[in-house]
Amino acid sequence: MSNPFIIGLRTNPQLFFNELDTSEVQAVAEACIRVLENRHKEGDADAAGCLQNVYREVANIEL
């Protein structure tokens, strides 16, 4: 994989996301959820579990 975005995420996700502005992190998170939703609708068996994990993480956030 030569995509620098993917390499950065796999190498050190915390460092990668710390370099993004808040609005950029939000855009990435929303795009990831849309991709997971579409994969689930297309029959990807792993996507539903991943979505549930994301929703659990969000539910555990205290503001």
PDB file of N, CA and C in Angstrom:
ATOM      1  N   MET A   1       0.849  -1.173   0.000  1.00  0.00           N
ATOM      2  CA  MET A   1       0.000   0.000   0.000  1.00  0.00           C
ATOM      3  C   MET A   1       0.894   1.235   0.000  1.00  0.00           C
ATOM      4  N   SER A   2       0.701   2.102  -0.967  1.00  0.00           N
ATOM      5  CA  SER A   2       1.528   3.300  -1.074  1.00  0.00           C
ATOM      6  C   SER A   2       0.766   4.577  -0.734  1.00  0.00           C
ATOM      7  N   ASN A   3      -0.471   4.466  -0.313  1.00  0.00           N
ATOM      8  CA  ASN A   3      -1.271   5.631   0.028  1.00  0.00           C
ATOM      9  C   ASN A   3      -0.772   6.206   1.356  1.00  0.00           C
ATOM     10  N   PRO A   4      -0.263   7.444   1.357  1.00  0.00           N
ATOM     11  CA  PRO A   4       0.288   8.012   2.598  1.00  0.00           C
ATOM     12  C   PRO A   4      -0.748   8.145   3.713  1.00  0.00           C
ATOM     13  N   PHE A   5      -1.993   8.351   3.367  1.00  0.00           N
ATOM     14  CA  PHE A   5      -3.058   8.435   4.355  1.00  0.00           C
ATOM     15  C   PHE A   5      -3.166   7.114   5.115  1.00  0.00           C
ATOM     16  N   ILE A   6      -3.217   6.018   4.388  1.00  0.00           N
ATOM     17  CA  ILE A   6      -3.335   4.696   5.003  1.00  0.00           C
ATOM     18  C   ILE A   6      -2.064   4.347   5.772  1.00  0.00           C
ATOM     19  N   ILE A   7      -0.920   4.660   5.225  1.00  0.00           N
ATOM     20  CA  ILE A   7       0.347   4.376   5.910  1.00  0.00           C
ATOM     21  C   ILE A   7       0.403   5.120   7.240  1.00  0.00           C
ATOM     22  N   GLY A   8      -0.001   6.392   7.249  1.00  0.00           N
ATOM     23  CA  GLY A   8      -0.006   7.176   8.485  1.00  0.00           C
ATOM     24  C   GLY A   8      -0.948   6.602   9.527  1.00  0.00           C
ATOM     25  N   LEU A   9      -2.122   6.179   9.085  1.00  0.00           N
ATOM     26  CA  LEU A   9      -3.097   5.590  10.012  1.00  0.00           C
ATOM     27  C   LEU A   9      -2.589   4.282  10.606  1.00  0.00           C
ATOM     28  N   ARG A  10      -1.990   3.458   9.778  1.00  0.00           N
ATOM     29  CA  ARG A  10      -1.519   2.152  10.254  1.00  0.00           C
ATOM     30  C   ARG A  10      -0.266   2.276  11.108  1.00  0.00           C
ATOM     31  N   THR A  11       0.584   3.240  10.804  1.00  0.00           N
ATOM     32  CA  THR A  11       1.842   3.388  11.523  1.00  0.00           C
ATOM     33  C   THR A  11       1.644   3.971  12.909  1.00  0.00           C
ATOM     34  N   ASN A  12       0.924   5.093  12.985  1.00  0.00           N
ATOM     35  CA  ASN A  12       0.729   5.762  14.267  1.00  0.00           C
ATOM     36  C   ASN A  12      -0.569   6.572  14.208  1.00  0.00           C
ATOM     37  N   PRO A  13      -1.712   5.907  14.429  1.00  0.00           N
ATOM     38  CA  PRO A  13      -2.987   6.616  14.285  1.00  0.00           C
ATOM     39  C   PRO A  13      -3.134   7.813  15.214  1.00  0.00           C
ATOM     40  N   GLN A  14      -2.635   7.714  16.432  1.00  0.00           N
ATOM     41  CA  GLN A  14      -2.770   8.832  17.378  1.00  0.00           C
ATOM     42  C   GLN A  14      -2.039  10.064  16.858  1.00  0.00           C
ATOM     43  N   LEU A  15      -0.814   9.886  16.392  1.00  0.00           N
ATOM     44  CA  LEU A  15      -0.047  11.003  15.848  1.00  0.00           C
ATOM     45  C   LEU A  15      -0.736  11.567  14.608  1.00  0.00           C
ATOM     46  N   PHE A  16      -1.218  10.674  13.762  1.00  0.00           N
ATOM     47  CA  PHE A  16      -1.897  11.107  12.544  1.00  0.00           C
ATOM     48  C   PHE A  16      -3.090  11.993  12.874  1.00  0.00           C
ATOM     49  N   PHE A  17      -3.964  11.528  13.771  1.00  0.00           N
ATOM     50  CA  PHE A  17      -5.175  12.292  14.090  1.00  0.00           C
ATOM     51  C   PHE A  17      -4.876  13.539  14.897  1.00  0.00           C
ATOM     52  N   ASN A  18      -3.830  13.532  15.701  1.00  0.00           N
ATOM     53  CA  ASN A  18      -3.473  14.730  16.459  1.00  0.00           C
ATOM     54  C   ASN A  18      -3.063  15.882  15.547  1.00  0.00           C
ATOM     55  N   GLU A  19      -2.623  15.562  14.346  1.00  0.00           N
ATOM     56  CA  GLU A  19      -2.203  16.600  13.399  1.00  0.00           C
ATOM     57  C   GLU A  19      -3.378  17.217  12.640  1.00  0.00           C
ATOM     58  N   LEU A  20      -4.555  16.609  12.734  1.00  0.00           N
ATOM     59  CA  LEU A  20      -5.723  17.123  12.020  1.00  0.00           C
ATOM     60  C   LEU A  20      -6.475  18.146  12.864  1.00  0.00           C
ATOM     61  N   ASP A  21      -7.111  19.095  12.183  1.00  0.00           N
ATOM     62  CA  ASP A  21      -8.019  20.021  12.867  1.00  0.00           C
ATOM     63  C   ASP A  21      -9.266  19.248  13.277  1.00  0.00           C
ATOM     64  N   THR A  22     -10.010  19.788  14.220  1.00  0.00           N
ATOM     65  CA  THR A  22     -11.216  19.123  14.704  1.00  0.00           C
ATOM     66  C   THR A  22     -12.203  18.864  13.571  1.00  0.00           C
ATOM     67  N   SER A  23     -12.402  19.821  12.702  1.00  0.00           N
ATOM     68  CA  SER A  23     -13.343  19.628  11.593  1.00  0.00           C
ATOM     69  C   SER A  23     -12.874  18.533  10.641  1.00  0.00           C
ATOM     70  N   GLU A  24     -11.563  18.389  10.490  1.00  0.00           N
ATOM     71  CA  GLU A  24     -11.026  17.325   9.637  1.00  0.00           C
ATOM     72  C   GLU A  24     -11.240  15.953  10.272  1.00  0.00           C
ATOM     73  N   VAL A  25     -11.063  15.861  11.588  1.00  0.00           N
ATOM     74  CA  VAL A  25     -11.317  14.594  12.291  1.00  0.00           C
ATOM     75  C   VAL A  25     -12.792  14.230  12.158  1.00  0.00           C
ATOM     76  N   GLN A  26     -13.664  15.214  12.303  1.00  0.00           N
ATOM     77  CA  GLN A  26     -15.096  14.965  12.158  1.00  0.00           C
ATOM     78  C   GLN A  26     -15.405  14.450  10.758  1.00  0.00           C
ATOM     79  N   ALA A  27     -14.835  15.060   9.740  1.00  0.00           N
ATOM     80  CA  ALA A  27     -15.086  14.637   8.357  1.00  0.00           C
ATOM     81  C   ALA A  27     -14.613  13.203   8.126  1.00  0.00           C
ATOM     82  N   VAL A  28     -13.465  12.852   8.678  1.00  0.00           N
ATOM     83  CA  VAL A  28     -12.944  11.489   8.546  1.00  0.00           C
ATOM     84  C   VAL A  28     -13.880  10.510   9.249  1.00  0.00           C
ATOM     85  N   ALA A  29     -14.308  10.844  10.470  1.00  0.00           N
ATOM     86  CA  ALA A  29     -15.195   9.956  11.232  1.00  0.00           C
ATOM     87  C   ALA A  29     -16.518   9.743  10.503  1.00  0.00           C
ATOM     88  N   GLU A  30     -17.108  10.813   9.992  1.00  0.00           N
ATOM     89  CA  GLU A  30     -18.371  10.692   9.277  1.00  0.00           C
ATOM     90  C   GLU A  30     -18.212   9.867   8.014  1.00  0.00           C
ATOM     91  N   ALA A  31     -17.118  10.061   7.299  1.00  0.00           N
ATOM     92  CA  ALA A  31     -16.874   9.284   6.079  1.00  0.00           C
ATOM     93  C   ALA A  31     -16.686   7.803   6.399  1.00  0.00           C
ATOM     94  N   CYS A  32     -15.994   7.510   7.487  1.00  0.00           N
ATOM     95  CA  CYS A  32     -15.800   6.120   7.888  1.00  0.00           C
ATOM     96  C   CYS A  32     -17.129   5.449   8.203  1.00  0.00           C
ATOM     97  N   ILE A  33     -17.998   6.159   8.901  1.00  0.00           N
ATOM     98  CA  ILE A  33     -19.306   5.600   9.242  1.00  0.00           C
ATOM     99  C   ILE A  33     -20.126   5.355   7.976  1.00  0.00           C
ATOM    100  N   ARG A  34     -20.085   6.283   7.033  1.00  0.00           N
ATOM    101  CA  ARG A  34     -20.817   6.096   5.770  1.00  0.00           C
ATOM    102  C   ARG A  34     -20.299   4.868   5.019  1.00  0.00           C
ATOM    103  N   VAL A  35     -18.984   4.680   4.987  1.00  0.00           N
ATOM    104  CA  VAL A  35     -18.406   3.519   4.305  1.00  0.00           C
ATOM    105  C   VAL A  35     -18.854   2.231   4.988  1.00  0.00           C
ATOM    106  N   LEU A  36     -18.810   2.205   6.324  1.00  0.00           N
ATOM    107  CA  LEU A  36     -19.248   1.013   7.050  1.00  0.00           C
ATOM    108  C   LEU A  36     -20.723   0.727   6.801  1.00  0.00           C
ATOM    109  N   GLU A  37     -21.558   1.766   6.802  1.00  0.00           N
ATOM    110  CA  GLU A  37     -22.988   1.585   6.529  1.00  0.00           C
ATOM    111  C   GLU A  37     -23.212   0.999   5.143  1.00  0.00           C
ATOM    112  N   ASN A  38     -22.514   1.539   4.157  1.00  0.00           N
ATOM    113  CA  ASN A  38     -22.660   1.040   2.786  1.00  0.00           C
ATOM    114  C   ASN A  38     -22.167  -0.399   2.668  1.00  0.00           C
ATOM    115  N   ARG A  39     -21.058  -0.711   3.302  1.00  0.00           N
ATOM    116  CA  ARG A  39     -20.549  -2.082   3.257  1.00  0.00           C
ATOM    117  C   ARG A  39     -21.531  -3.053   3.905  1.00  0.00           C
ATOM    118  N   HIS A  40     -22.143  -2.618   5.008  1.00  0.00           N
ATOM    119  CA  HIS A  40     -23.149  -3.453   5.664  1.00  0.00           C
ATOM    120  C   HIS A  40     -24.331  -3.701   4.726  1.00  0.00           C
ATOM    121  N   LYS A  41     -24.805  -2.661   4.074  1.00  0.00           N
ATOM    122  CA  LYS A  41     -25.927  -2.783   3.146  1.00  0.00           C
ATOM    123  C   LYS A  41     -25.582  -3.688   1.964  1.00  0.00           C
ATOM    124  N   GLU A  42     -24.297  -3.739   1.614  1.00  0.00           N
ATOM    125  CA  GLU A  42     -23.844  -4.581   0.503  1.00  0.00           C
ATOM    126  C   GLU A  42     -23.572  -6.020   0.945  1.00  0.00           C
ATOM    127  N   GLY A  43     -23.748  -6.290   2.246  1.00  0.00           N
ATOM    128  CA  GLY A  43     -23.614  -7.653   2.725  1.00  0.00           C
ATOM    129  C   GLY A  43     -22.303  -7.996   3.406  1.00  0.00           C
ATOM    130  N   ASP A  44     -21.456  -7.019   3.678  1.00  0.00           N
ATOM    131  CA  ASP A  44     -20.202  -7.276   4.389  1.00  0.00           C
ATOM    132  C   ASP A  44     -20.523  -7.655   5.829  1.00  0.00           C
ATOM    133  N   ALA A  45     -20.256  -8.884   6.188  1.00  0.00           N
ATOM    134  CA  ALA A  45     -20.621  -9.396   7.516  1.00  0.00           C
ATOM    135  C   ALA A  45     -19.863  -8.686   8.642  1.00  0.00           C
ATOM    136  N   ASP A  46     -18.654  -8.256   8.402  1.00  0.00           N
ATOM    137  CA  ASP A  46     -17.860  -7.592   9.444  1.00  0.00           C
ATOM    138  C   ASP A  46     -18.306  -6.157   9.704  1.00  0.00           C
ATOM    139  N   ALA A  47     -18.936  -5.533   8.736  1.00  0.00           N
ATOM    140  CA  ALA A  47     -19.298  -4.117   8.849  1.00  0.00           C
ATOM    141  C   ALA A  47     -20.290  -3.856   9.972  1.00  0.00           C
ATOM    142  N   ALA A  48     -21.250  -4.734  10.160  1.00  0.00           N
ATOM    143  CA  ALA A  48     -22.256  -4.521  11.210  1.00  0.00           C
ATOM    144  C   ALA A  48     -21.601  -4.505  12.587  1.00  0.00           C
ATOM    145  N   GLY A  49     -20.700  -5.436  12.839  1.00  0.00           N
ATOM    146  CA  GLY A  49     -19.996  -5.467  14.120  1.00  0.00           C
ATOM    147  C   GLY A  49     -19.138  -4.235  14.328  1.00  0.00           C
ATOM    148  N   CYS A  50     -18.502  -3.787  13.269  1.00  0.00           N
ATOM    149  CA  CYS A  50     -17.683  -2.574  13.363  1.00  0.00           C
ATOM    150  C   CYS A  50     -18.543  -1.359  13.689  1.00  0.00           C
ATOM    151  N   LEU A  51     -19.697  -1.258  13.046  1.00  0.00           N
ATOM    152  CA  LEU A  51     -20.608  -0.147  13.342  1.00  0.00           C
ATOM    153  C   LEU A  51     -21.067  -0.186  14.786  1.00  0.00           C
ATOM    154  N   GLN A  52     -21.398  -1.364  15.281  1.00  0.00           N
ATOM    155  CA  GLN A  52     -21.815  -1.477  16.673  1.00  0.00           C
ATOM    156  C   GLN A  52     -20.701  -1.022  17.613  1.00  0.00           C
ATOM    157  N   ASN A  53     -19.465  -1.386  17.306  1.00  0.00           N
ATOM    158  CA  ASN A  53     -18.334  -0.955  18.136  1.00  0.00           C
ATOM    159  C   ASN A  53     -18.173   0.563  18.115  1.00  0.00           C
ATOM    160  N   VAL A  54     -18.344   1.166  16.954  1.00  0.00           N
ATOM    161  CA  VAL A  54     -18.249   2.628  16.847  1.00  0.00           C
ATOM    162  C   VAL A  54     -19.340   3.279  17.687  1.00  0.00           C
ATOM    163  N   TYR A  55     -20.571   2.790  17.565  1.00  0.00           N
ATOM    164  CA  TYR A  55     -21.685   3.367  18.326  1.00  0.00           C
ATOM    165  C   TYR A  55     -21.477   3.209  19.827  1.00  0.00           C
ATOM    166  N   ARG A  56     -20.917   2.071  20.259  1.00  0.00           N
ATOM    167  CA  ARG A  56     -20.622   1.885  21.686  1.00  0.00           C
ATOM    168  C   ARG A  56     -19.588   2.886  22.176  1.00  0.00           C
ATOM    169  N   GLU A  57     -18.547   3.096  21.379  1.00  0.00           N
ATOM    170  CA  GLU A  57     -17.512   4.063  21.751  1.00  0.00           C
ATOM    171  C   GLU A  57     -18.099   5.466  21.890  1.00  0.00           C
ATOM    172  N   VAL A  58     -18.951   5.841  20.961  1.00  0.00           N
ATOM    173  CA  VAL A  58     -19.582   7.169  21.007  1.00  0.00           C
ATOM    174  C   VAL A  58     -20.495   7.278  22.224  1.00  0.00           C
ATOM    175  N   ALA A  59     -21.218   6.218  22.525  1.00  0.00           N
ATOM    176  CA  ALA A  59     -22.142   6.236  23.676  1.00  0.00           C
ATOM    177  C   ALA A  59     -21.399   6.378  24.992  1.00  0.00           C
ATOM    178  N   ASN A  60     -20.153   5.970  25.044  1.00  0.00           N
ATOM    179  CA  ASN A  60     -19.384   6.028  26.290  1.00  0.00           C
ATOM    180  C   ASN A  60     -18.644   7.349  26.488  1.00  0.00           C
ATOM    181  N   ILE A  61     -18.848   8.286  25.609  1.00  0.00           N
ATOM    182  CA  ILE A  61     -18.159   9.583  25.697  1.00  0.00           C
ATOM    183  C   ILE A  61     -18.917  10.494  26.652  1.00  0.00           C
ATOM    184  N   GLU A  62     -18.195  11.088  27.582  1.00  0.00           N
ATOM    185  CA  GLU A  62     -18.801  12.087  28.479  1.00  0.00           C
ATOM    186  C   GLU A  62     -18.410  13.463  27.984  1.00  0.00           C
ATOM    187  N   LEU A  63     -19.390  14.330  27.837  1.00  0.00           N
ATOM    188  CA  LEU A  63     -19.125  15.709  27.389  1.00  0.00           C
ATOM    189  C   LEU A  63     -19.210  16.651  28.554  1.00  0.00           C
TER     190      LEU A  63
END
